[in-house]
Protein backbone atom coordinates (compact mmCIF):
# COMPACT_ATOMS: atom_id res chain seq x y z
CA MET A 1 -26.41 -16.00 -11.93
CA ARG A 2 -30.10 -16.63 -12.74
CA ALA A 3 -29.87 -19.86 -10.74
CA LEU A 4 -28.78 -17.97 -7.65
CA ALA A 5 -31.58 -15.44 -8.04
CA LEU A 6 -34.09 -18.29 -8.13
CA ALA A 7 -32.41 -19.86 -5.10
CA LEU A 8 -32.65 -16.66 -3.10
CA LEU A 9 -36.32 -15.95 -3.74
CA PRO A 10 -37.88 -18.91 -1.91
CA LEU A 11 -35.49 -18.93 1.02
CA ALA A 12 -37.67 -18.39 4.08
CA VAL A 13 -6.21 2.29 18.16
CA ALA A 14 -6.44 1.86 19.86
CA CYS A 15 -9.22 3.98 18.58
CA ALA A 16 -9.29 7.74 18.56
CA PRO A 17 -10.86 9.54 21.55
CA ALA A 18 -14.62 9.23 21.77
CA ALA A 19 -15.13 12.72 20.36
CA ASP A 20 -13.32 11.71 17.20
CA ARG A 21 -15.15 8.45 16.63
CA PRO A 22 -17.75 8.14 13.86
CA ALA A 23 -20.74 10.29 14.63
CA THR A 24 -24.12 8.78 15.31
CA PRO A 25 -25.89 8.61 11.95
CA THR A 26 -28.06 11.65 11.34
CA ALA A 27 -30.43 9.71 9.10
CA VAL A 28 -33.29 7.60 10.41
CA ALA A 29 -31.83 4.42 11.93
CA ASP A 30 -34.24 2.07 10.12
CA THR A 31 -33.18 2.36 6.48
CA GLN A 32 -36.14 0.31 5.20
CA ALA A 33 -33.82 -0.72 2.36
CA PRO A 34 -33.49 -4.48 1.74
CA GLY A 35 -30.56 -6.09 3.52
CA MET A 36 -27.58 -7.18 1.42
CA VAL A 37 -25.01 -9.99 1.69
CA SER A 38 -21.76 -10.23 -0.27
CA ALA A 39 -19.54 -13.30 -0.04
CA ALA A 40 -17.26 -15.52 -2.09
CA ASP A 41 -19.84 -18.23 -2.87
CA PRO A 42 -23.49 -17.92 -3.97
CA ARG A 43 -24.66 -20.66 -1.62
CA ALA A 44 -23.21 -18.81 1.34
CA VAL A 45 -24.90 -15.60 0.18
CA ALA A 46 -28.19 -17.53 -0.01
CA ALA A 47 -27.65 -18.68 3.60
CA GLY A 48 -27.16 -15.13 4.81
CA VAL A 49 -30.15 -13.84 2.87
CA GLU A 50 -32.30 -16.63 4.30
CA ILE A 51 -31.49 -15.43 7.80
CA LEU A 52 -32.23 -11.79 6.93
CA LYS A 53 -35.60 -12.84 5.48
CA ALA A 54 -36.30 -14.80 8.67
CA GLY A 55 -35.95 -11.61 10.71
CA GLY A 56 -32.29 -11.89 11.60
CA ASN A 57 -29.96 -8.93 11.71
CA ALA A 58 -26.54 -8.40 10.11
CA THR A 59 -24.75 -10.28 12.90
CA ASP A 60 -27.02 -13.30 12.50
CA ALA A 61 -26.65 -13.27 8.72
CA ALA A 62 -22.87 -12.97 8.96
CA ILE A 63 -22.70 -16.04 11.19
CA ALA A 64 -24.91 -18.08 8.85
CA THR A 65 -22.85 -16.97 5.86
CA MET A 66 -19.60 -17.95 7.59
CA LEU A 67 -20.96 -21.37 8.53
CA ALA A 68 -22.07 -22.01 4.95
CA LEU A 69 -18.71 -20.86 3.58
CA GLY A 70 -17.08 -23.44 5.85
CA VAL A 71 -19.06 -26.13 4.01
CA VAL A 72 -18.64 -25.02 0.39
CA GLU A 73 -15.24 -23.30 0.72
CA PRO A 74 -13.36 -25.74 2.98
CA GLN A 75 -10.12 -24.73 1.28
CA SER A 76 -10.42 -21.19 2.61
CA SER A 77 -12.29 -21.02 5.90
CA GLY A 78 -14.35 -22.85 8.48
CA LEU A 79 -14.65 -23.64 12.17
CA GLY A 80 -11.10 -24.98 12.14
CA GLY A 81 -9.78 -21.43 11.70
CA GLY A 82 -10.21 -17.90 13.00
CA SER A 83 -11.64 -14.51 12.11
CA PHE A 84 -11.76 -10.76 12.69
CA TRP A 85 -15.03 -8.85 12.95
CA VAL A 86 -15.66 -5.13 12.39
CA ARG A 87 -19.26 -4.27 13.24
CA HIS A 88 -21.39 -1.13 13.11
CA ARG A 89 -24.66 -1.15 14.99
CA VAL A 90 -27.57 1.26 14.74
CA GLY A 91 -26.90 4.27 16.93
CA GLY A 92 -23.30 4.66 15.79
CA ARG A 93 -21.64 2.02 17.96
CA LEU A 94 -18.58 0.40 16.40
CA ASP A 95 -16.90 -2.69 17.81
CA THR A 96 -14.36 -5.27 16.70
CA ILE A 97 -13.83 -8.90 17.69
CA ASP A 98 -10.51 -10.74 17.64
CA ALA A 99 -11.10 -14.46 17.04
CA ARG A 100 -7.57 -15.12 15.86
CA GLU A 101 -6.08 -18.53 16.68
CA THR A 102 -3.56 -18.99 19.50
CA ALA A 103 -0.39 -21.03 19.89
CA PRO A 104 -0.35 -23.85 22.44
CA MET A 105 1.13 -22.72 25.75
CA ALA A 106 4.00 -25.17 25.30
CA ALA A 107 5.03 -23.56 21.99
CA GLY A 108 8.36 -21.76 22.09
CA PRO A 109 10.22 -19.35 19.81
CA ARG A 110 11.95 -22.22 17.98
CA LEU A 111 8.73 -24.10 17.24
CA PHE A 112 9.51 -24.32 13.54
CA TYR A 113 13.11 -25.51 13.76
CA THR A 114 14.38 -28.89 12.64
CA ALA A 115 16.05 -31.42 14.91
CA ASP A 116 19.46 -30.20 13.73
CA GLY A 117 18.68 -26.63 14.75
CA GLN A 118 17.78 -25.12 11.37
CA PRO A 119 14.66 -23.06 10.60
CA MET A 120 12.08 -25.10 8.72
CA ASP A 121 11.10 -24.16 5.20
CA HIS A 122 7.55 -22.78 5.13
CA ARG A 123 6.34 -25.64 2.94
CA GLU A 124 7.76 -28.17 5.40
CA ALA A 125 6.16 -26.46 8.40
CA VAL A 126 2.59 -26.27 7.05
CA PRO A 127 1.40 -29.92 6.85
CA GLY A 128 0.52 -31.71 10.06
CA GLY A 129 -0.16 -30.76 13.66
CA LYS A 130 2.55 -28.27 14.58
CA SER A 131 1.13 -25.46 12.44
CA VAL A 132 -2.38 -25.70 13.95
CA GLY A 133 -3.46 -22.92 16.30
CA VAL A 134 -6.40 -23.27 18.68
CA PRO A 135 -9.35 -22.39 16.40
CA GLY A 136 -11.12 -19.14 17.26
CA ALA A 137 -13.86 -18.74 14.64
CA LEU A 138 -16.62 -20.38 16.68
CA ARG A 139 -15.82 -18.41 19.85
CA GLY A 140 -15.90 -15.26 17.72
CA MET A 141 -19.34 -16.16 16.39
CA ALA A 142 -20.59 -16.88 19.90
CA LEU A 143 -19.29 -13.54 21.22
CA ALA A 144 -20.82 -11.68 18.28
CA HIS A 145 -24.16 -13.44 18.72
CA ARG A 146 -24.22 -12.93 22.49
CA SER A 147 -23.50 -9.22 22.14
CA GLY A 148 -25.51 -8.40 19.03
CA GLY A 149 -27.47 -11.30 17.57
CA LYS A 150 -31.23 -11.51 17.29
CA LEU A 151 -32.38 -14.95 16.15
CA PRO A 152 -31.77 -18.11 18.22
CA TRP A 153 -28.26 -19.56 17.86
CA ALA A 154 -29.51 -22.89 16.47
CA ARG A 155 -31.44 -21.18 13.67
CA LEU A 156 -28.23 -19.75 12.22
CA PHE A 157 -26.81 -23.23 11.61
CA GLN A 158 -29.68 -24.57 9.54
CA PRO A 159 -28.51 -23.47 6.05
CA ALA A 160 -25.02 -24.90 6.60
CA ILE A 161 -26.41 -28.14 8.02
CA ARG A 162 -28.58 -28.58 4.92
CA LEU A 163 -25.61 -28.00 2.63
CA ALA A 164 -23.43 -30.51 4.46
CA LYS A 165 -26.20 -33.11 4.80
CA ASP A 166 -28.10 -32.79 1.52
CA GLY A 167 -25.10 -31.92 -0.62
CA TRP A 168 -23.64 -29.18 -2.81
CA GLN A 169 -22.21 -29.19 -6.31
CA LEU A 170 -18.53 -28.95 -7.13
CA SER A 171 -17.60 -26.08 -9.42
CA PRO A 172 -14.86 -26.32 -12.08
CA ARG A 173 -12.85 -23.85 -10.02
CA PHE A 174 -13.10 -26.01 -6.90
CA VAL A 175 -12.09 -29.18 -8.73
CA ASP A 176 -9.10 -27.45 -10.32
CA GLY A 177 -8.02 -25.94 -7.01
CA LEU A 178 -8.28 -29.25 -5.17
CA ALA A 179 -6.04 -30.95 -7.72
CA LYS A 180 -3.43 -28.21 -7.44
CA ASN A 181 -3.50 -27.41 -3.72
CA GLY A 182 -5.09 -30.35 -1.90
CA THR A 183 -2.29 -32.88 -2.02
CA HIS A 184 -1.73 -32.68 1.77
CA ILE A 185 -5.33 -33.18 2.95
CA THR A 186 -6.32 -36.20 5.03
CA PRO A 187 -7.70 -39.37 3.39
CA GLU A 188 -11.04 -38.74 5.16
CA LEU A 189 -11.52 -35.39 3.43
CA ARG A 190 -10.13 -36.61 0.13
CA ALA A 191 -12.65 -39.46 0.11
CA ILE A 192 -15.49 -36.91 0.00
CA PHE A 193 -14.20 -35.43 -3.25
CA SER A 194 -12.52 -38.54 -4.65
CA PRO A 195 -14.53 -41.62 -3.61
CA GLY A 196 -12.68 -44.79 -4.48
CA GLY A 197 -9.63 -42.71 -5.37
CA THR A 198 -11.15 -41.11 -8.46
CA ALA A 199 -11.65 -37.35 -8.39
CA LEU A 200 -15.25 -36.30 -8.94
CA PRO A 201 -15.84 -34.01 -11.92
CA ALA A 202 -17.35 -30.54 -11.74
CA GLY A 203 -21.10 -30.67 -11.27
CA SER A 204 -20.94 -33.65 -8.90
CA THR A 205 -22.88 -33.42 -5.65
CA VAL A 206 -20.89 -34.04 -2.48
CA ARG A 207 -21.99 -34.50 1.11
CA ASN A 208 -20.09 -34.22 4.36
CA PRO A 209 -22.04 -36.20 6.99
CA ASP A 210 -19.39 -35.79 9.70
CA GLN A 211 -19.54 -32.02 9.28
CA ALA A 212 -23.34 -32.06 9.26
CA ALA A 213 -23.42 -34.03 12.53
CA PHE A 214 -20.84 -31.69 14.07
CA LEU A 215 -22.86 -28.59 13.09
CA GLU A 216 -26.00 -30.17 14.54
CA ARG A 217 -24.20 -30.73 17.86
CA LEU A 218 -22.95 -27.16 17.93
CA ALA A 219 -26.39 -25.82 17.10
CA ALA A 220 -27.94 -27.78 19.96
CA ARG A 221 -25.19 -27.48 22.57
CA GLY A 222 -23.53 -24.16 21.83
CA ALA A 223 -19.94 -23.15 21.16
CA ASP A 224 -18.61 -24.48 24.47
CA SER A 225 -19.16 -28.04 23.28
CA PHE A 226 -16.32 -27.57 20.78
CA TYR A 227 -13.88 -26.27 23.39
CA VAL A 228 -14.60 -28.69 26.25
CA GLY A 229 -15.48 -32.37 26.05
CA PRO A 230 -15.19 -35.10 23.41
CA ASP A 231 -14.86 -32.77 20.42
CA ALA A 232 -12.05 -30.84 22.09
CA GLN A 233 -10.29 -34.10 22.90
CA LYS A 234 -10.72 -35.26 19.31
CA LEU A 235 -9.09 -32.04 18.07
CA VAL A 236 -6.13 -32.43 20.42
CA THR A 237 -5.66 -36.09 19.55
CA THR A 238 -5.69 -35.26 15.83
CA VAL A 239 -2.91 -32.68 16.03
CA ARG A 240 -0.80 -34.63 18.54
CA THR A 241 -0.87 -37.85 16.50
CA ALA A 242 -0.52 -36.36 13.02
CA VAL A 243 1.72 -38.17 10.56
CA ARG A 244 3.93 -35.07 10.34
CA ASN A 245 4.97 -32.24 12.67
CA LEU A 246 3.37 -33.30 15.96
CA SER A 247 1.67 -30.58 18.00
CA GLN A 248 2.03 -29.80 21.71
CA MET A 249 -1.58 -28.65 22.01
CA THR A 250 -3.51 -29.74 25.11
CA THR A 251 -7.19 -29.79 26.06
CA GLY A 252 -6.33 -26.97 28.44
CA ASP A 253 -5.18 -24.84 25.50
CA VAL A 254 -8.50 -25.44 23.78
CA ALA A 255 -10.66 -24.88 26.86
CA SER A 256 -8.96 -21.61 27.73
CA TYR A 257 -9.36 -20.01 24.30
CA ALA A 258 -11.31 -16.73 24.34
CA ALA A 259 -12.36 -14.38 21.54
CA LYS A 260 -11.59 -10.81 22.56
CA PRO A 261 -13.23 -7.45 22.00
CA ARG A 262 -10.55 -5.07 20.70
CA ASP A 263 -10.39 -1.34 20.10
CA PRO A 264 -10.92 -0.45 16.45
CA VAL A 265 -8.42 1.76 14.63
CA CYS A 266 -9.90 4.81 12.90
CA VAL A 267 -8.60 7.81 10.95
CA PRO A 268 -10.22 10.57 8.91
CA TYR A 269 -9.53 10.43 5.18
CA ARG A 270 -10.74 13.40 3.18
CA SER A 271 -14.37 13.89 4.29
CA TYR A 272 -14.71 10.25 5.42
CA ARG A 273 -13.72 8.23 8.46
CA ILE A 274 -12.22 4.78 7.94
CA CYS A 275 -12.26 2.16 10.68
CA GLY A 276 -10.67 -1.26 10.81
CA MET A 277 -9.27 -4.03 12.96
CA GLY A 278 -6.39 -3.31 15.33
CA PRO A 279 -3.59 -5.69 16.36
CA PRO A 280 -2.98 -8.60 16.13
CA SER A 281 -4.28 -7.64 12.69
CA SER A 282 -1.72 -5.62 10.80
CA GLY A 283 -4.29 -5.00 8.10
CA GLY A 284 -6.29 -2.20 9.66
CA ILE A 285 -3.32 -0.04 10.63
CA THR A 286 -1.47 -0.57 7.36
CA VAL A 287 -4.50 0.28 5.21
CA LEU A 288 -4.95 3.50 7.16
CA MET A 289 -1.28 4.38 6.82
CA ILE A 290 -1.32 3.86 3.05
CA LEU A 291 -4.34 6.11 2.63
CA LYS A 292 -3.20 8.86 5.00
CA GLN A 293 0.18 9.06 3.28
CA LEU A 294 -1.68 9.56 -0.01
CA GLU A 295 -4.09 12.16 1.30
CA ARG A 296 -1.96 15.17 0.32
CA PHE A 297 -2.05 14.14 -3.35
CA ASP A 298 -4.99 15.03 -5.62
CA LEU A 299 -5.76 11.49 -6.73
CA LYS A 300 -9.16 12.47 -8.09
CA ALA A 301 -7.52 14.90 -10.53
CA LEU A 302 -4.99 12.28 -11.58
CA GLY A 303 -7.67 9.65 -12.17
CA LYS A 304 -7.73 5.87 -12.07
CA ASP A 305 -5.87 5.51 -15.39
CA SER A 306 -2.91 7.64 -14.33
CA PRO A 307 0.45 5.83 -13.95
CA THR A 308 1.44 8.58 -11.51
CA ALA A 309 -1.52 7.78 -9.25
CA TRP A 310 -0.53 4.11 -9.13
CA HIS A 311 3.13 4.98 -8.60
CA LEU A 312 2.06 7.05 -5.57
CA PHE A 313 -0.01 4.12 -4.35
CA ALA A 314 3.01 1.81 -4.66
CA GLU A 315 5.32 4.20 -2.83
CA SER A 316 2.87 4.66 0.04
CA SER A 317 2.33 0.89 0.20
CA ARG A 318 6.00 0.04 0.56
CA LEU A 319 6.49 2.61 3.32
CA ALA A 320 3.45 1.32 5.25
CA TYR A 321 4.39 -2.34 4.79
CA ALA A 322 7.88 -1.62 6.14
CA ASP A 323 6.41 -0.29 9.39
CA ARG A 324 3.88 -3.11 9.49
CA ASN A 325 6.55 -5.78 9.22
CA LEU A 326 8.66 -4.25 11.97
CA TYR A 327 6.24 -3.23 14.68
CA ILE A 328 2.99 -5.20 14.64
CA GLY A 329 2.34 -8.34 16.64
CA ASP A 330 -0.04 -9.60 19.33
CA PRO A 331 -0.60 -6.57 21.62
CA ASP A 332 -0.96 -8.89 24.62
CA TYR A 333 2.69 -9.89 24.15
CA VAL A 334 4.51 -7.01 22.48
CA GLN A 335 4.29 -3.24 22.54
CA VAL A 336 2.63 -2.07 19.33
CA PRO A 337 2.88 1.71 18.78
CA VAL A 338 -0.62 2.02 17.33
CA ALA A 339 -1.10 5.69 18.19
CA GLY A 340 2.37 6.56 16.93
CA MET A 341 1.92 4.71 13.64
CA LEU A 342 -1.31 6.66 13.01
CA ASP A 343 -0.01 9.98 14.35
CA PRO A 344 -0.75 12.70 11.75
CA ALA A 345 2.68 14.31 12.09
CA TYR A 346 4.43 10.98 11.72
CA LEU A 347 2.40 10.03 8.65
CA ALA A 348 3.07 13.46 7.14
CA SER A 349 6.80 12.85 7.57
CA ARG A 350 6.49 9.49 5.83
CA SER A 351 4.36 10.98 3.06
CA ALA A 352 7.03 13.61 2.48
CA LEU A 353 9.32 10.81 1.27
CA ILE A 354 6.99 10.16 -1.68
CA SER A 355 7.61 11.92 -4.99
CA PRO A 356 5.29 11.85 -8.02
CA THR A 357 8.26 11.67 -10.39
CA THR A 358 10.80 9.33 -8.77
CA THR A 359 10.84 6.04 -6.92
CA LEU A 360 12.49 5.46 -3.55
CA ALA A 361 15.92 3.85 -3.88
CA SER A 362 15.50 2.07 -0.55
CA VAL A 363 12.77 1.60 2.01
CA THR A 364 13.17 1.24 5.75
CA ALA A 365 10.72 1.42 8.60
CA GLY A 366 10.30 4.74 10.30
CA THR A 367 10.32 5.54 14.01
CA PRO A 368 6.78 6.43 15.06
CA PRO A 369 6.25 8.00 18.50
CA GLY A 370 6.43 5.37 21.21
CA ALA A 371 8.06 2.80 18.96
CA PRO A 372 10.11 0.06 20.64
CA GLN A 373 13.32 -1.07 19.02
CA ARG A 374 12.48 -3.87 16.62
CA VAL A 375 14.01 -5.79 13.74
CA ARG A 376 12.18 -6.27 10.46
CA ALA A 377 10.89 -9.74 9.68
CA GLU A 378 9.49 -11.11 6.45
CA PRO A 379 5.92 -12.44 6.57
CA ALA A 380 4.98 -15.76 5.01
CA GLU A 381 1.21 -15.61 4.66
CA THR A 382 -0.69 -17.47 1.97
CA PRO A 383 -4.16 -16.89 0.47
CA GLY A 384 -6.41 -19.46 2.16
CA THR A 385 -8.96 -16.90 3.37
CA THR A 386 -12.43 -15.52 2.64
CA SER A 387 -14.33 -12.35 3.47
CA LEU A 388 -17.94 -11.20 3.66
CA SER A 389 -19.95 -8.04 4.21
CA VAL A 390 -23.55 -7.83 5.42
CA ALA A 391 -25.97 -4.94 5.91
CA ASP A 392 -29.53 -5.27 7.22
CA ARG A 393 -32.56 -3.05 6.70
CA MET A 394 -32.16 -1.54 10.19
CA GLY A 395 -28.74 -0.14 9.27
CA ASN A 396 -26.48 -2.62 11.07
CA VAL A 397 -23.34 -3.50 9.08
CA VAL A 398 -20.80 -6.28 9.57
CA ALA A 399 -17.48 -6.96 7.84
CA VAL A 400 -15.79 -10.27 8.65
CA THR A 401 -12.64 -11.87 7.29
CA THR A 402 -12.13 -15.50 8.23
CA THR A 403 -9.36 -17.95 7.39
CA ILE A 404 -7.62 -21.26 7.85
CA GLU A 405 -4.40 -19.60 6.51
CA GLY A 406 -3.04 -21.64 3.58
CA VAL A 407 -5.21 -23.41 1.03
CA TYR A 408 -6.66 -26.41 2.95
CA GLY A 409 -4.73 -25.22 6.00
CA SER A 410 -2.68 -27.88 7.74
CA GLY A 411 -4.38 -30.59 5.70
CA LEU A 412 -5.72 -32.15 8.90
CA THR A 413 -9.43 -32.60 9.51
CA VAL A 414 -11.63 -33.28 12.50
CA ASN A 415 -15.41 -33.69 12.43
CA GLY A 416 -15.33 -33.00 8.69
CA ILE A 417 -13.73 -29.54 9.05
CA VAL A 418 -10.26 -28.49 7.93
CA LEU A 419 -7.81 -27.36 10.63
CA ASN A 420 -5.78 -24.21 10.11
CA ASN A 421 -2.03 -23.81 9.67
CA GLU A 422 -2.20 -20.38 11.30
CA LEU A 423 0.96 -20.72 13.38
CA THR A 424 3.09 -20.46 10.24
CA ASP A 425 2.00 -16.80 10.22
CA PHE A 426 4.54 -16.33 13.02
CA ASP A 427 8.07 -15.39 12.01
CA THR A 428 10.15 -18.56 12.13
CA VAL A 429 13.35 -16.92 13.37
CA PRO A 430 12.76 -15.25 16.76
CA VAL A 431 15.88 -13.08 16.92
CA LYS A 432 17.40 -10.89 14.22
CA ASP A 433 20.46 -8.67 14.63
CA GLY A 434 20.33 -9.24 18.36
CA TYR A 435 16.70 -8.15 18.82
CA LEU A 436 13.57 -10.17 19.52
CA VAL A 437 11.16 -10.17 16.59
CA ALA A 438 7.70 -8.79 17.44
CA ASN A 439 5.89 -11.63 15.66
CA ARG A 440 7.96 -14.50 17.12
CA VAL A 441 6.29 -17.64 18.43
CA GLU A 442 5.25 -17.61 22.09
CA GLY A 443 2.87 -19.82 24.05
CA GLY A 444 -0.71 -18.52 23.96
CA LYS A 445 0.18 -15.79 21.46
CA ARG A 446 -1.81 -14.86 18.35
CA PRO A 447 0.13 -14.63 15.08
CA ARG A 448 0.07 -11.38 13.16
CA SER A 449 -2.47 -11.27 10.34
CA SER A 450 -3.07 -9.15 7.24
CA MET A 451 -6.85 -9.58 7.41
CA ALA A 452 -8.45 -6.16 7.18
CA PRO A 453 -12.26 -6.01 7.35
CA THR A 454 -13.05 -2.30 7.08
CA ILE A 455 -16.01 0.05 7.44
CA VAL A 456 -16.02 3.54 5.89
CA TYR A 457 -18.28 6.32 7.23
CA ASP A 458 -19.35 9.41 5.33
CA ALA A 459 -19.36 12.94 6.74
CA SER A 460 -22.80 12.44 8.31
CA GLY A 461 -21.70 9.35 10.21
CA ARG A 462 -23.59 6.91 7.98
CA VAL A 463 -21.86 3.76 6.79
CA ARG A 464 -20.77 4.35 3.21
CA LEU A 465 -18.84 1.12 2.58
CA SER A 466 -18.06 -2.24 4.17
CA VAL A 467 -15.24 -4.16 2.51
CA GLY A 468 -12.94 -7.13 3.12
CA ALA A 469 -10.59 -9.31 1.11
CA ALA A 470 -8.63 -12.55 0.98
CA GLY A 471 -5.13 -13.17 -0.36
CA GLY A 472 -2.51 -13.11 2.39
CA PRO A 473 -0.53 -9.86 2.60
CA THR A 474 -2.17 -8.61 -0.63
CA ILE A 475 -5.31 -8.08 1.48
CA ILE A 476 -3.92 -4.77 2.72
CA ALA A 477 -3.31 -3.42 -0.77
CA GLN A 478 -6.68 -4.73 -2.00
CA ILE A 479 -8.59 -2.86 0.72
CA ALA A 480 -6.61 0.36 0.25
CA LYS A 481 -7.18 0.10 -3.52
CA ALA A 482 -10.93 -0.43 -3.11
CA ILE A 483 -11.33 2.51 -0.75
CA MET A 484 -9.23 4.73 -3.03
CA GLY A 485 -11.42 3.63 -5.94
CA VAL A 486 -14.66 4.55 -4.18
CA ILE A 487 -13.53 7.80 -2.53
CA ASP A 488 -10.95 9.21 -4.93
CA PHE A 489 -12.03 7.80 -8.30
CA ASP A 490 -15.83 7.89 -7.71
CA LEU A 491 -16.19 4.23 -8.63
CA SER A 492 -18.83 1.81 -7.42
CA ALA A 493 -17.60 -0.74 -4.91
CA GLN A 494 -17.96 -3.36 -7.63
CA ASP A 495 -15.74 -1.47 -10.05
CA ALA A 496 -13.24 -0.56 -7.35
CA ILE A 497 -12.84 -4.23 -6.41
CA ALA A 498 -12.49 -5.20 -10.07
CA MET A 499 -9.69 -2.70 -10.74
CA GLY A 500 -6.30 -4.27 -11.31
CA LEU A 501 -3.84 -4.01 -8.43
CA LEU A 502 -0.29 -2.72 -8.27
CA TYR A 503 1.12 -4.61 -5.29
CA ALA A 504 4.28 -3.16 -3.74
CA PRO A 505 5.09 -4.54 -0.29
CA GLY A 506 8.77 -3.73 -0.87
CA LEU A 507 11.03 -2.23 -3.51
CA ASN A 508 9.75 -4.62 -6.18
CA ALA A 509 6.16 -4.31 -7.39
CA THR A 510 3.79 -6.66 -9.20
CA ALA A 511 1.27 -5.40 -11.75
CA GLU A 512 -1.68 -7.79 -11.74
CA ALA A 513 -1.77 -10.00 -14.82
CA GLY A 514 -4.83 -9.85 -17.01
CA THR A 515 -5.78 -6.34 -15.86
CA GLU A 516 -5.27 -2.77 -16.98
CA ARG A 517 -2.40 -2.49 -14.51
CA ALA A 518 -0.26 -4.83 -16.64
CA ALA A 519 -0.50 -2.47 -19.61
CA MET A 520 0.76 0.34 -17.38
CA VAL A 521 4.14 -1.30 -16.70
CA PRO A 522 6.22 0.73 -19.21
CA ALA A 523 4.90 4.01 -17.84
CA LEU A 524 5.54 2.86 -14.28
CA GLN A 525 9.06 1.79 -15.16
CA ALA A 526 9.65 5.26 -16.59
CA LEU A 527 8.90 6.59 -13.10
CA GLY A 528 11.54 4.29 -11.65
CA GLU A 529 9.26 1.47 -10.49
CA ARG A 530 10.82 -1.99 -10.37
CA VAL A 531 7.69 -3.72 -11.63
CA THR A 532 6.84 -6.98 -13.35
CA VAL A 533 3.56 -8.59 -14.37
CA GLY A 534 2.27 -11.52 -12.34
CA GLY A 535 -0.76 -13.24 -10.84
CA LEU A 536 -1.80 -12.15 -7.35
CA GLY A 537 -4.74 -14.36 -6.32
CA LEU A 538 -7.18 -11.67 -5.17
CA LYS A 539 -10.69 -12.02 -3.75
CA ALA A 540 -12.75 -9.19 -2.22
CA ASN A 541 -16.38 -8.50 -1.27
CA ALA A 542 -18.22 -5.32 -0.33
CA VAL A 543 -21.53 -3.70 0.50
CA GLU A 544 -22.08 0.05 -0.01
CA TRP A 545 -24.83 2.58 0.67
CA VAL A 546 -25.68 4.36 -2.59
CA GLY A 547 -28.81 6.23 -3.64
CA GLY A 548 -30.77 5.25 -0.55
CA ARG A 549 -30.16 1.52 -0.76
CA TRP A 550 -27.57 -1.16 -0.10
CA VAL A 551 -25.62 -2.27 -3.18
CA GLY A 552 -23.28 -5.27 -3.24
CA GLY A 553 -19.96 -5.85 -4.90
CA ALA A 554 -18.06 -9.10 -5.44
CA ASP A 555 -14.73 -9.92 -6.99
CA PRO A 556 -14.91 -10.96 -10.65
CA ARG A 557 -11.78 -13.05 -10.05
CA SER A 558 -13.78 -15.32 -7.73
CA GLU A 559 -17.13 -17.10 -7.61
CA GLY A 560 -18.44 -14.42 -5.29
CA VAL A 561 -21.81 -12.69 -5.60
CA ALA A 562 -23.94 -10.24 -3.67
CA GLY A 563 -27.68 -10.63 -3.13
CA ASP A 564 -30.43 -8.88 -1.19
CA GLU A 565 -33.67 -9.87 0.50
CA THR A 566 -35.76 -9.26 -2.61
CA GLY A 567 -33.86 -11.87 -4.61
CA TYR A 568 -31.85 -9.29 -6.53
CA VAL A 569 -28.33 -10.49 -7.33
CA THR A 570 -25.58 -8.09 -8.35
CA LYS A 571 -24.37 -8.86 -11.86
CA ILE A 572 -20.67 -9.67 -11.91
CA LYS A 573 -18.68 -9.64 -15.15
CA ARG A 574 -16.21 -12.45 -14.52
CA PHE A 575 -12.53 -12.30 -15.33
CA GLY A 576 -11.33 -14.94 -17.74
CA LYS A 577 -9.16 -17.83 -16.63
CA ASP A 578 -5.85 -16.10 -15.94
CA PRO A 579 -2.99 -16.18 -13.42
CA SER A 580 -4.66 -13.61 -11.16
CA ARG A 581 -7.41 -15.95 -9.96
CA PRO A 582 -7.18 -17.20 -6.38
CA PRO A 583 -5.65 -20.68 -5.89
CA GLU A 584 -8.80 -22.35 -4.59
């Protein structure tokens, strides 16, 4: 941690009606408090802080942090993937950006079927070209910068270029994760970490010259150079000539990709207002549903160590996940009943199903107002994702979650970056019980995601908390848990992130191994919970406004840190090596 501090010092709804949106902050817009960056790697945090110190705002710092994460966390994110942005700007304006990947226009509902007409196993579908969606992360950055950046575009690339060109050190965690999860990566990428076929040990310095050259081109030429021209052709050729699972992607698919502004989803919760990403993210809506269904219970009185409180959390989770799985998909292709799913009367009716003393015998999706007839589908997301939160001294706040889907994505690389396997987030089987599945594959469509960057406002309209997480569908439960920890249990963001999770996307629940939740299993079972202990692979980051300053939080399960412009680095008490750590 001391090393990071030294490194930081020298671095030069559809939403509710307008009347119900977060109020303009009543406090002075310029907080004069040092800006803060929280992310899953200290070198990425240093990149974001460098940009803040250079006069950049939260949008600029978020972009620089994302670019650096793409260098030092290639297993989790990068320009070969996509992202969701939730952004608060001084004056009370809230906006969200959808930079989720898209399917090639030629993709059909049976994209992941074998030649003999059988659905492919998820593990068979991931490697190769077929799983790759048109990457959206760079278009998302460009839209964010165009609409809210401050420093020149090229300046934001400099920290990442230095990392790729001059080198960065492998951590023990990275080396271990590569050995376990990198068997499908291309020889070109493997050669960086295993020159001559021998894996480099932790502490070794690695360089990625192809990535450095690519970042330099993007810095000089802008985002369009990735979507039109030689680099776009190189991407298409890579996925269409892959050794496995050939893609149907064309240069037209790449050129036509657009990041989209979307309406945020917002609800009041106690004296706060919580805002997140709308569809095609399922994360924002589902987090809000979990919390609203819990609102009638006095969680503060129960306390964070109460088995009853966590039983209530599990019951609300399984009800919300059931609706999530049934109704949410790309809103440009399917009708998503956003307003109905967040309707207070509907959520009250769902909450009424929850008892403090018994567990539901079965769980089915409800019928929110305006709901189309759908059939439930099981998601197959995996935890190759990362998240970051940034606040600047003017009061701008950004939460971004970005991903390449599985660990090392499709395993394919181009220009030194890893390409996503995002299309395996679609449901493989397009029809169930005679009905079309909302999240089926369609040409040009964006697969449903659990990513849930979230901003919480206090009663005065000031940002209280910015939080995001990685870990596939556990993201939803992680965010709901963190917000519950801060609001209901009066915890710091750091302590709320560190709390063990009880994950219950269905009837069966998992108590996170190595945490206080595992010791709670007998008491939970006495309440009727079908719960076992297991690893969950969690990773969250947050920034909160406390005592007149920005304070960071980072997941002790990860290598994440938080640092501000003064060189202060939040102290993180790391978890030991246990099954709950992310598979990086």
